[in-house]
Protein backbone atom coordinates (compact mmCIF):
# COMPACT_ATOMS: atom_id res chain seq x y z
CA MET A 1 -193.90 333.68 33.27
CA LYS A 2 -197.67 333.56 32.72
CA LEU A 3 -199.18 330.47 31.11
CA ILE A 4 -202.65 329.41 29.95
CA GLY A 5 -203.93 325.85 29.39
CA LEU A 6 -207.17 325.64 27.42
CA ARG A 7 -209.73 322.94 26.78
CA LEU A 8 -211.94 324.35 24.00
CA CYS A 9 -213.88 321.44 22.57
CA GLU A 10 -217.52 320.55 22.00
CA HIS A 11 -218.22 320.12 25.72
CA ASP A 12 -216.76 320.79 29.18
CA SER A 13 -214.52 323.77 28.48
CA ASN A 14 -212.00 324.48 31.23
CA ILE A 15 -209.04 326.80 31.75
CA SER A 16 -205.89 326.60 33.87
CA TYR A 17 -203.83 329.73 34.49
CA PHE A 18 -200.36 330.06 36.02
CA ASP A 19 -199.71 333.65 37.06
CA GLY A 20 -195.99 333.18 37.73
CA GLN A 21 -196.55 332.09 41.33
CA ASP A 22 -199.89 330.33 41.73
CA LEU A 23 -202.03 328.04 39.62
CA HIS A 24 -205.72 328.81 39.06
CA TYR A 25 -208.43 326.61 37.55
CA LEU A 26 -211.97 327.14 36.26
CA LYS A 27 -214.51 324.81 34.73
CA THR A 28 -216.68 327.18 32.76
CA GLU A 29 -219.98 325.35 33.35
CA ARG A 30 -219.90 326.42 37.00
CA HIS A 31 -219.39 330.05 36.03
CA TYR A 32 -222.15 330.12 33.42
CA GLN A 33 -224.36 327.48 35.14
CA VAL A 34 -224.76 325.60 31.85
CA LYS A 35 -224.11 321.85 32.09
CA HIS A 36 -221.17 320.72 29.93
CA HIS A 37 -220.68 324.32 28.76
CA ALA A 38 -218.41 324.82 25.75
CA PHE A 39 -217.26 327.98 24.01
CA LYS A 40 -218.66 328.36 20.51
CA ASP A 41 -215.48 329.95 19.19
CA LEU A 42 -211.77 330.30 19.94
CA ASN A 43 -211.95 333.79 21.41
CA SER A 44 -214.76 334.05 23.97
CA TRP A 45 -212.59 332.64 26.77
CA LYS A 46 -210.46 335.78 26.69
CA GLN A 47 -213.17 337.89 28.30
CA LEU A 48 -213.78 335.23 30.93
CA VAL A 49 -210.15 335.19 32.14
CA LYS A 50 -210.32 338.97 32.30
CA ASP A 51 -213.50 338.84 34.39
CA VAL A 52 -212.40 336.05 36.74
CA TRP A 53 -208.65 336.57 37.10
CA ASN A 54 -208.16 340.11 35.71
CA VAL A 55 -205.81 338.71 33.07
CA ASP A 56 -205.20 340.41 29.73
CA VAL A 57 -204.34 337.88 27.06
CA SER A 58 -201.60 340.23 25.86
CA ASP A 59 -199.78 339.52 29.15
CA ILE A 60 -199.68 335.74 28.58
CA ASP A 61 -196.31 334.25 27.62
CA ASP A 62 -197.43 330.86 26.27
CA VAL A 63 -200.60 328.89 25.54
CA CYS A 64 -201.34 325.18 25.20
CA ILE A 65 -204.68 324.04 23.83
CA ILE A 66 -206.78 320.89 23.52
CA VAL A 67 -209.36 321.40 20.81
CA ASP A 68 -211.67 319.46 18.49
CA PRO A 69 -210.92 320.80 14.98
CA SER A 70 -214.39 319.81 13.75
CA LYS A 71 -216.01 321.89 16.49
CA HIS A 72 -214.34 325.05 15.23
CA ASN A 73 -214.39 324.19 11.51
CA ILE A 74 -210.62 324.05 11.14
CA ASN A 75 -208.39 321.49 9.47
CA HIS A 76 -205.70 320.67 11.97
CA ASP A 77 -204.97 316.99 12.48
CA LEU A 78 -202.16 315.85 14.78
CA ASP A 79 -201.29 312.95 12.45
CA GLY A 80 -200.29 310.72 15.35
CA HIS A 81 -198.10 313.35 17.05
CA ILE A 82 -198.58 314.33 20.67
CA SER A 83 -198.05 318.06 20.03
CA LYS A 84 -198.09 320.47 17.11
CA PRO A 85 -198.07 324.26 16.61
CA PHE A 86 -201.69 325.41 16.46
CA GLY A 87 -201.91 329.08 15.61
CA HIS A 88 -201.50 332.54 17.04
CA ILE A 89 -203.49 333.72 20.05
CA GLN A 90 -202.80 337.44 20.15
CA ASN A 91 -199.07 337.34 19.33
CA ILE A 92 -198.43 333.94 20.89
CA LEU A 93 -197.90 330.84 18.76
CA SER A 94 -199.94 328.35 20.76
CA THR A 95 -199.45 324.58 20.80
CA ARG A 96 -202.12 321.93 20.44
CA ILE A 97 -201.49 318.65 22.27
CA ASN A 98 -203.05 315.21 21.95
CA HIS A 99 -206.30 314.78 23.90
CA HIS A 100 -205.21 311.54 25.59
CA TYR A 101 -201.72 312.91 26.24
CA ALA A 102 -203.34 315.78 28.16
CA HIS A 103 -205.34 313.25 30.19
CA ALA A 104 -202.12 311.39 31.02
CA LEU A 105 -200.34 314.59 32.08
CA SER A 106 -203.26 315.87 34.16
CA ALA A 107 -202.56 313.74 37.27
CA TRP A 108 -199.23 315.48 37.97
CA MET A 109 -200.40 316.76 41.38
CA MET A 110 -201.14 313.21 42.61
CA THR A 111 -197.86 311.39 41.97
CA GLY A 112 -194.13 311.98 41.97
CA SER A 113 -193.60 309.43 39.22
CA SER A 114 -195.56 307.08 37.02
CA THR A 115 -194.42 304.34 34.71
CA LYS A 116 -197.64 303.72 32.78
CA GLN A 117 -200.58 305.87 31.74
CA ILE A 118 -203.78 304.33 30.36
CA ILE A 119 -206.53 306.52 28.94
CA ILE A 120 -209.98 305.22 27.95
CA ASP A 121 -212.97 307.35 26.97
CA GLY A 122 -215.58 307.72 24.23
CA PHE A 123 -212.91 308.97 21.88
CA GLY A 124 -210.01 311.38 22.05
CA ASP A 125 -208.59 312.85 18.86
CA GLU A 126 -210.30 311.67 15.70
CA ASP A 127 -210.79 307.86 15.87
CA ILE A 128 -208.83 307.09 19.05
CA ALA A 129 -210.80 305.25 21.77
CA TRP A 130 -207.93 304.42 24.12
CA THR A 131 -204.22 305.09 24.41
CA VAL A 132 -201.51 303.37 26.44
CA PHE A 133 -198.40 305.36 27.36
CA ASP A 134 -195.11 304.18 28.84
CA ASN A 135 -193.47 307.16 30.55
CA PHE A 136 -195.74 309.37 28.43
CA ASN A 137 -194.61 307.78 25.14
CA ILE A 138 -197.41 306.20 23.10
CA VAL A 139 -197.07 302.41 22.93
CA ASP A 140 -200.55 301.40 21.76
CA VAL A 141 -203.83 302.96 20.62
CA GLY A 142 -207.33 301.69 19.98
CA SER A 143 -209.55 302.66 17.08
CA VAL A 144 -213.24 303.45 17.56
CA ILE A 145 -213.95 301.94 14.14
CA GLU A 146 -211.78 298.83 14.44
CA ASN A 147 -211.90 298.13 18.20
CA GLY A 148 -215.03 299.90 19.34
CA SER A 149 -215.34 302.38 22.20
CA LEU A 150 -216.46 301.54 25.73
CA GLY A 151 -217.70 305.07 26.30
CA ILE A 152 -219.67 305.31 23.07
CA ASN A 153 -221.11 301.81 23.41
CA MET A 154 -222.26 302.42 26.99
CA SER A 155 -223.95 305.66 25.92
CA THR A 156 -225.59 304.00 22.92
CA VAL A 157 -226.97 301.16 25.03
CA GLY A 158 -228.24 303.59 27.64
CA TYR A 159 -229.99 305.60 24.96
CA ASN A 160 -231.58 302.43 23.59
CA PHE A 161 -232.73 301.56 27.10
CA GLY A 162 -234.66 304.82 27.14
CA ILE A 163 -232.51 306.59 29.71
CA LYS A 164 -233.45 310.25 29.80
CA ASN A 165 -230.68 312.79 29.62
CA CYS A 166 -229.96 316.46 29.25
CA HIS A 167 -226.64 315.63 27.60
CA GLY A 168 -225.44 312.41 25.99
CA LEU A 169 -222.32 312.45 28.13
CA ASP A 170 -224.36 311.57 31.21
CA ILE A 171 -226.03 308.43 29.84
CA ALA A 172 -223.17 305.99 30.50
CA GLY A 173 -223.04 306.93 34.18
CA LYS A 174 -226.78 306.43 34.52
CA LEU A 175 -226.49 303.02 32.85
CA MET A 176 -223.84 302.05 35.40
CA GLY A 177 -226.46 302.48 38.13
CA LEU A 178 -229.27 300.84 36.16
CA GLN A 179 -227.39 297.64 35.25
CA SER A 180 -227.26 296.66 38.93
CA TYR A 181 -230.97 295.77 38.74
CA GLY A 182 -230.23 292.92 36.32
CA ASN A 183 -229.22 289.33 37.11
CA LEU A 184 -225.83 287.95 36.20
CA ASP A 185 -226.04 285.17 33.60
CA ASP A 186 -222.99 282.98 34.24
CA ARG A 187 -223.46 280.93 31.09
CA TYR A 188 -223.57 284.01 28.84
CA LEU A 189 -220.59 285.42 30.72
CA GLU A 190 -218.67 282.34 29.62
CA LEU A 191 -219.92 282.64 26.02
CA VAL A 192 -218.56 286.19 25.64
CA SER A 193 -215.32 285.48 27.47
CA GLU A 194 -213.36 285.44 24.19
CA TYR A 195 -214.02 289.15 23.62
CA GLY A 196 -211.65 291.59 25.25
CA ILE A 197 -211.50 295.36 25.43
CA LYS A 198 -210.13 295.47 21.89
CA GLN A 199 -213.39 293.87 20.69
CA SER A 200 -215.80 296.29 22.35
CA ASN A 201 -218.32 296.17 19.51
CA ASP A 202 -218.57 292.39 19.83
CA ILE A 203 -219.17 292.64 23.57
CA PHE A 204 -222.05 295.07 23.03
CA ASP A 205 -223.58 293.18 20.09
CA PHE A 206 -227.15 292.60 21.27
CA ASN A 207 -227.71 290.10 18.45
CA LYS A 208 -225.52 287.68 20.35
CA TRP A 209 -227.94 287.91 23.28
CA ILE A 210 -230.89 287.33 20.95
CA SER A 211 -229.20 284.20 19.59
CA TYR A 212 -228.45 283.05 23.11
CA LYS A 213 -232.05 283.53 24.29
CA LYS A 214 -233.35 282.03 21.00
CA ASP A 215 -236.19 284.54 20.88
CA PRO A 216 -236.13 288.30 20.14
CA LEU A 217 -238.97 289.09 22.54
CA LEU A 218 -237.43 287.11 25.37
CA ALA A 219 -234.11 288.82 24.69
CA GLU A 220 -235.80 292.22 24.82
CA LEU A 221 -237.55 291.38 28.07
CA THR A 222 -234.27 290.36 29.71
CA LYS A 223 -232.13 293.31 28.57
CA LEU A 224 -231.25 294.20 32.16
CA ASP A 225 -229.71 290.75 32.61
CA TRP A 226 -227.75 291.26 29.39
CA ILE A 227 -226.28 294.62 30.40
CA LYS A 228 -225.59 293.36 33.93
CA THR A 229 -223.63 290.44 32.47
CA ILE A 230 -221.61 292.35 29.91
CA HIS A 231 -220.91 295.11 32.45
CA GLU A 232 -219.40 292.47 34.74
CA HIS A 233 -217.51 291.00 31.78
CA ILE A 234 -216.00 294.37 30.83
CA GLY A 235 -214.75 294.91 34.38
CA ASN A 236 -212.98 291.55 34.25
CA LYS A 237 -211.54 292.25 30.81
CA LEU A 238 -210.29 295.67 31.85
CA VAL A 239 -208.12 293.94 34.44
CA GLU A 240 -206.74 291.69 31.69
CA PHE A 241 -206.22 294.69 29.40
CA PHE A 242 -204.22 296.58 32.03
CA SER A 243 -202.19 293.43 32.71
CA GLU A 244 -201.01 293.44 29.09
CA TYR A 245 -199.16 296.68 29.69
CA ALA A 246 -198.38 296.92 33.41
CA ASN A 247 -197.25 294.80 36.33
CA ASP A 248 -199.46 294.52 39.40
CA ASN A 249 -197.37 296.87 41.55
CA GLU A 250 -196.56 299.52 38.96
CA THR A 251 -197.85 303.05 39.41
CA ILE A 252 -200.52 303.52 36.75
CA ILE A 253 -202.32 306.73 35.92
CA TYR A 254 -205.78 305.87 34.66
CA SER A 255 -207.90 308.64 33.17
CA GLY A 256 -210.55 309.43 30.57
CA GLY A 257 -214.32 309.41 30.87
CA VAL A 258 -214.52 305.63 31.33
CA ALA A 259 -212.47 306.01 34.54
CA GLN A 260 -215.61 307.42 36.17
CA ASN A 261 -217.09 303.90 36.31
CA VAL A 262 -216.61 303.13 40.00
CA LEU A 263 -217.44 299.42 39.68
CA TRP A 264 -214.76 298.84 37.05
CA ASN A 265 -212.37 301.07 39.00
CA THR A 266 -212.75 298.91 42.10
CA LYS A 267 -211.87 295.74 40.18
CA LEU A 268 -208.78 297.49 38.82
CA LYS A 269 -207.75 298.88 42.21
CA ASN A 270 -207.94 295.42 43.78
CA LYS A 271 -205.52 294.13 41.13
CA PHE A 272 -203.30 297.23 40.84
CA PRO A 273 -202.97 298.79 44.32
CA ASN A 274 -200.88 301.71 42.99
CA LEU A 275 -203.54 302.76 40.50
CA ILE A 276 -204.08 306.54 40.44
CA ILE A 277 -207.32 307.99 39.08
CA PRO A 278 -207.60 311.78 39.22
CA PRO A 279 -210.98 313.18 40.32
CA HIS A 280 -210.95 315.16 37.06
CA CYS A 281 -210.54 312.03 34.92
CA ASN A 282 -213.27 313.28 32.59
CA ASP A 283 -212.46 316.07 30.16
CA GLU A 284 -212.52 318.81 32.78
CA GLY A 285 -208.96 317.81 33.67
CA LEU A 286 -207.54 318.46 30.21
CA SER A 287 -206.44 322.05 30.84
CA LEU A 288 -204.49 320.79 33.87
CA GLY A 289 -202.63 318.48 31.49
CA ALA A 290 -202.03 321.40 29.14
CA ILE A 291 -200.58 323.56 31.90
CA GLU A 292 -198.27 320.70 32.91
CA TRP A 293 -197.07 320.43 29.31
CA LEU A 294 -196.18 324.12 29.39
CA ARG A 295 -194.40 323.72 32.73
CA ILE A 296 -192.23 320.96 31.29
CA LYS A 297 -191.61 322.92 28.09
CA HIS A 298 -190.31 325.92 30.06
CA ASN A 299 -188.47 323.82 32.65
CA LEU A 300 -190.33 325.37 35.58
CA PRO A 301 -190.52 323.90 39.10
CA LYS A 302 -193.50 321.63 39.72
CA PHE A 303 -196.62 323.63 40.49
CA SER A 304 -198.05 323.54 43.99
CA LEU A 305 -201.72 322.73 44.62
CA SER A 306 -201.82 322.47 48.40
CA ASN A 307 -205.62 322.50 48.53
CA PHE A 308 -206.22 319.94 45.78
CA PRO A 309 -208.88 318.91 44.74
CA TYR A 310 -210.61 322.09 45.98
CA ILE A 311 -209.26 324.37 43.27
CA GLN A 312 -212.21 325.93 41.44
CA SER A 313 -211.95 329.69 41.06
CA ASP A 314 -215.32 330.54 42.57
CA PHE A 315 -216.83 332.28 45.60
CA ILE A 316 -214.97 331.38 48.81
CA PRO A 317 -216.85 332.08 52.06
CA PRO A 318 -215.21 332.52 55.46
CA SER A 319 -214.61 329.28 57.34
CA PRO A 320 -217.40 328.12 59.65
CA SER A 321 -216.97 328.42 63.40
CA ARG A 322 -217.03 325.45 65.74
CA ASP A 323 -220.50 326.55 66.84
CA CYS A 324 -221.71 326.58 63.21
CA ILE A 325 -220.38 323.06 62.63
CA GLU A 326 -222.07 321.77 65.78
CA LYS A 327 -225.41 323.33 64.85
CA THR A 328 -225.17 321.95 61.30
CA ALA A 329 -224.53 318.47 62.69
CA ARG A 330 -227.56 318.86 64.93
CA LEU A 331 -229.74 319.74 61.94
CA LEU A 332 -228.50 316.60 60.17
CA SER A 333 -229.10 314.47 63.24
CA ASP A 334 -232.67 315.79 63.30
CA GLY A 335 -233.22 314.41 59.79
CA LYS A 336 -232.85 317.68 57.91
CA ILE A 337 -231.52 317.96 54.36
CA VAL A 338 -228.58 320.37 54.50
CA ALA A 339 -226.70 322.04 51.65
CA TRP A 340 -223.05 322.63 52.57
CA TYR A 341 -221.03 325.31 50.70
CA GLN A 342 -217.46 325.83 51.94
CA GLY A 343 -214.08 326.88 50.58
CA ASN A 344 -213.25 326.45 46.90
CA GLY A 345 -215.30 324.05 44.81
CA GLU A 346 -213.97 320.62 43.91
CA VAL A 347 -212.43 319.82 40.53
CA GLY A 348 -214.27 316.92 38.93
CA PRO A 349 -217.95 315.93 38.87
CA ARG A 350 -218.14 314.46 42.40
CA ALA A 351 -219.17 316.37 45.51
CA LEU A 352 -216.31 315.93 47.97
CA GLY A 353 -217.56 317.95 50.92
CA ASN A 354 -217.29 321.55 49.72
CA ARG A 355 -220.30 321.70 47.38
CA SER A 356 -222.57 319.03 48.84
CA ILE A 357 -226.13 318.17 49.80
CA LEU A 358 -226.00 316.09 52.98
CA MET A 359 -228.37 313.85 54.90
CA ASP A 360 -228.45 311.11 57.52
CA PRO A 361 -227.82 307.85 55.57
CA ARG A 362 -229.97 305.86 58.00
CA ASP A 363 -233.19 307.56 56.92
CA SER A 364 -235.41 304.88 55.35
CA GLU A 365 -236.96 307.50 53.07
CA GLY A 366 -233.70 309.31 52.43
CA LYS A 367 -233.19 308.15 48.85
CA TYR A 368 -236.74 309.19 47.93
CA LYS A 369 -236.37 312.58 49.62
CA ILE A 370 -233.06 313.44 47.94
CA ASN A 371 -234.29 312.25 44.55
CA CYS A 372 -237.21 314.64 44.97
CA VAL A 373 -234.77 317.46 45.76
CA LYS A 374 -232.54 316.73 42.79
CA ASN A 375 -235.23 315.56 40.37
CA ARG A 376 -233.23 312.45 39.52
CA GLU A 377 -234.31 309.02 38.34
CA PHE A 378 -235.27 306.90 41.34
CA TYR A 379 -233.19 303.89 40.28
CA ARG A 380 -229.95 305.85 40.71
CA PRO A 381 -227.87 305.45 43.88
CA PHE A 382 -226.35 308.09 46.12
CA GLY A 383 -222.83 308.24 47.45
CA ALA A 384 -221.61 308.64 51.00
CA SER A 385 -218.76 310.22 52.91
CA VAL A 386 -217.26 308.29 55.82
CA LEU A 387 -214.53 309.13 58.32
CA ARG A 388 -211.50 307.17 57.19
CA GLN A 389 -210.91 305.46 60.56
CA TYR A 390 -214.43 303.98 60.44
CA LYS A 391 -214.59 302.81 56.82
CA ASP A 392 -213.89 299.17 57.62
CA GLN A 393 -216.63 299.22 60.24
CA TYR A 394 -219.19 299.98 57.54
CA PHE A 395 -217.69 298.64 54.30
CA LYS A 396 -216.12 295.46 53.05
CA MET A 397 -212.83 296.10 51.23
CA LEU A 398 -213.45 299.76 50.41
CA PRO A 399 -210.19 301.24 49.04
CA ASP A 400 -208.93 304.46 50.57
CA ASN A 401 -210.94 306.81 48.46
CA PRO A 402 -210.80 310.59 49.04
CA HIS A 403 -212.22 311.33 45.59
CA MET A 404 -215.25 308.96 45.63
CA LEU A 405 -214.05 306.83 42.71
CA TYR A 406 -214.52 303.33 44.16
CA VAL A 407 -217.29 301.31 45.79
CA GLY A 408 -217.52 299.11 48.84
CA MET A 409 -220.07 296.54 49.95
CA LEU A 410 -221.94 297.68 53.05
CA HIS A 411 -221.77 295.23 55.96
CA THR A 412 -225.34 295.89 57.11
CA GLY A 413 -228.67 297.10 55.79
CA LEU A 414 -228.83 299.93 58.32
CA PHE A 415 -228.12 302.65 55.72
CA PRO A 416 -230.98 302.48 53.17
CA ALA A 417 -230.43 306.00 51.86
CA ILE A 418 -227.01 305.10 50.43
CA THR A 419 -227.31 301.35 49.77
CA HIS A 420 -227.75 300.49 46.10
CA VAL A 421 -229.79 297.51 44.96
CA ASP A 422 -226.59 295.41 44.71
CA GLY A 423 -225.57 296.23 48.30
CA THR A 424 -222.78 298.63 47.28
CA CYS A 425 -222.15 302.32 47.86
CA ARG A 426 -219.80 304.76 46.16
CA ALA A 427 -218.06 306.19 49.21
CA GLN A 428 -215.53 308.91 49.95
CA THR A 429 -213.09 308.45 52.81
CA VAL A 430 -212.54 311.67 54.76
CA ASP A 431 -209.74 312.72 57.14
CA SER A 432 -211.10 313.80 60.52
CA GLU A 433 -208.69 316.78 60.55
CA SER A 434 -210.32 318.37 57.49
CA LEU A 435 -213.22 320.83 57.70
CA PHE A 436 -215.64 318.26 56.29
CA GLY A 437 -214.13 315.73 58.67
CA GLU A 438 -215.00 318.01 61.60
CA LEU A 439 -218.64 318.00 60.53
CA LEU A 440 -218.64 314.20 60.16
CA THR A 441 -216.98 313.87 63.57
CA GLU A 442 -219.62 316.03 65.24
CA PHE A 443 -222.40 314.08 63.51
CA HIS A 444 -220.78 310.89 64.79
CA ASN A 445 -220.65 312.31 68.31
CA LEU A 446 -224.37 313.06 68.18
CA THR A 447 -225.60 309.90 66.46
CA GLY A 448 -222.92 307.19 66.64
CA CYS A 449 -222.88 307.21 62.81
CA ALA A 450 -219.63 308.31 61.11
CA MET A 451 -221.19 308.65 57.65
CA LEU A 452 -223.36 311.08 55.71
CA LEU A 453 -225.18 310.75 52.43
CA ASN A 454 -223.29 313.11 50.14
CA THR A 455 -224.49 314.25 46.73
CA SER A 456 -223.51 317.25 44.64
CA LEU A 457 -224.98 320.70 45.23
CA ASN A 458 -227.03 320.89 42.05
CA LEU A 459 -230.18 319.66 40.35
CA ALA A 460 -230.21 316.93 37.72
CA GLY A 461 -228.93 318.31 34.44
CA LYS A 462 -227.46 321.43 36.08
CA PRO A 463 -223.87 322.23 37.14
CA ILE A 464 -222.69 322.24 40.74
CA ALA A 465 -223.19 325.63 42.39
CA GLY A 466 -220.29 327.92 41.62
CA TYR A 467 -221.36 331.01 43.50
CA LYS A 468 -223.33 331.99 46.60
CA GLN A 469 -226.43 332.95 44.63
CA ASP A 470 -226.50 329.54 42.90
CA ALA A 471 -226.70 327.86 46.29
CA LEU A 472 -229.33 330.28 47.62
CA THR A 473 -231.46 329.61 44.55
CA LEU A 474 -231.33 325.88 45.27
CA LEU A 475 -232.47 326.49 48.83
CA LYS A 476 -235.36 328.63 47.61
CA GLU A 477 -236.52 326.34 44.79
CA THR A 478 -236.17 322.89 46.37
CA SER A 479 -237.11 321.07 49.57
CA ILE A 480 -233.65 321.51 51.06
CA ASP A 481 -234.15 322.47 54.72
CA ALA A 482 -231.00 324.51 55.35
CA LEU A 483 -228.00 325.94 53.56
CA VAL A 484 -224.67 326.56 55.26
CA ILE A 485 -222.39 329.04 53.49
CA GLY A 486 -219.25 329.67 55.42
CA ASN A 487 -220.29 330.59 58.94
CA ILE A 488 -223.95 331.36 58.15
CA ILE A 489 -226.83 328.89 58.31
CA TYR A 490 -229.79 329.91 56.14
CA LEU A 491 -233.12 328.33 57.08
CA LYS A 492 -236.23 328.14 54.96
CA ASP A 493 -239.87 328.67 55.85
CA GLU A 494 -242.67 328.05 53.36
CA GLN A 495 -240.22 327.90 50.43
CA GLN A 496 -238.81 331.36 51.15
CA VAL A 497 -235.18 331.99 51.96
CA GLU A 498 -235.02 333.78 55.30
CA VAL A 499 -231.66 335.47 54.97
CA ASP A 500 -231.98 336.97 58.44
CA ASN A 501 -233.10 333.71 60.01
CA VAL A 502 -229.66 332.58 60.98
CA ILE A 503 -229.03 330.09 63.77
């Protein structure tokens, strides 16, 4: 049986395909190299699956779709249901499922069972800002109009702060980094304590800050303190919100765009140790939820994803030799900026060691250098990857974190390239037995440091490299010193890629 799961909305289209034996996944932005790419119609994806997987739509047995009706000018509301017949694709009557339901289903590869699923984003279908499921049955929903939306409010505030963006979806994440430059106002934190997640609009009401400061100009001049304080407040209230629906030790799937906020995630993880956040918690995981819905519908065995989260259908180079790994580590120990392209790309927006730009985190100018490479705002922090057995040596209370979704407080100031203004770092824990772990181990052997700065293999506003040529273009057009693709190390001299200059 051949199955297709589709996310065809106004942004971040993605496709999952089960060929009867194996599961395949593609986020279309990496193929087209257009950030947050979305298909303009309901048919263009058919040629893409033919090009990438050699699949004729006529051979597909069933289709499940997540779609924004307004995007495609169709009238097809779910009316509170989690699934509904959608329409024919070729001769197949496809099924549309609830946006938040697809989020909840999408973490199937990370857990054998889950009792609760909590989804929070800008909005899902129509007016829905958040949904709580109990064993995948809806028990509560939040209205954007009545309750407000954390995702929308964060984006709106970021826009009002003047944060530059190529796409509105990226503003909230940038605001998460910016708010750390403010000062926490304990008195105002107490004043807004009555407002919970279900009163998001009240939390973000800047007029309350103006009244508190008793002067509009003074309020405007202290906006960073305001957003710092309400950001802290929301993290505390999220813990209370989750506690309404789940016990501390329950297994909770948490997904949706808001689940990318690593500071709030860390508060939740400390309270709910069995919290599960998929690396694809943003909308690029929706087709994985759709394919799981089809699996359940047809009573098929659970799909296997042995290499998760490295499941992008993209260019896969041969594995690097031991000699290549050692020479790459030596470049890093010499202070070089190295792009690292190995295996399949990661699902989700974080670089997890297969599509990464790497650097020594101890470099005092490292943050400046990488920001110049990526053309990012200089207030934004960079993440790190650390060998799991050394995480407690460097971080205070960093949760085990293979998908870079939590933060830890660094013990020392010896790592300026990865230390944010608040002393934290978003860090990935890495097994030493993995390929990326081998590189970290060799770097540790050379330097005594078991960490690397790790940021995604792209420029600001552009997708992560999906193919070899994307990575080579980055080497040519930026100040990256070297690019490792599989077993080949490409060096650069005077901004030219020397393909034959291989170590």
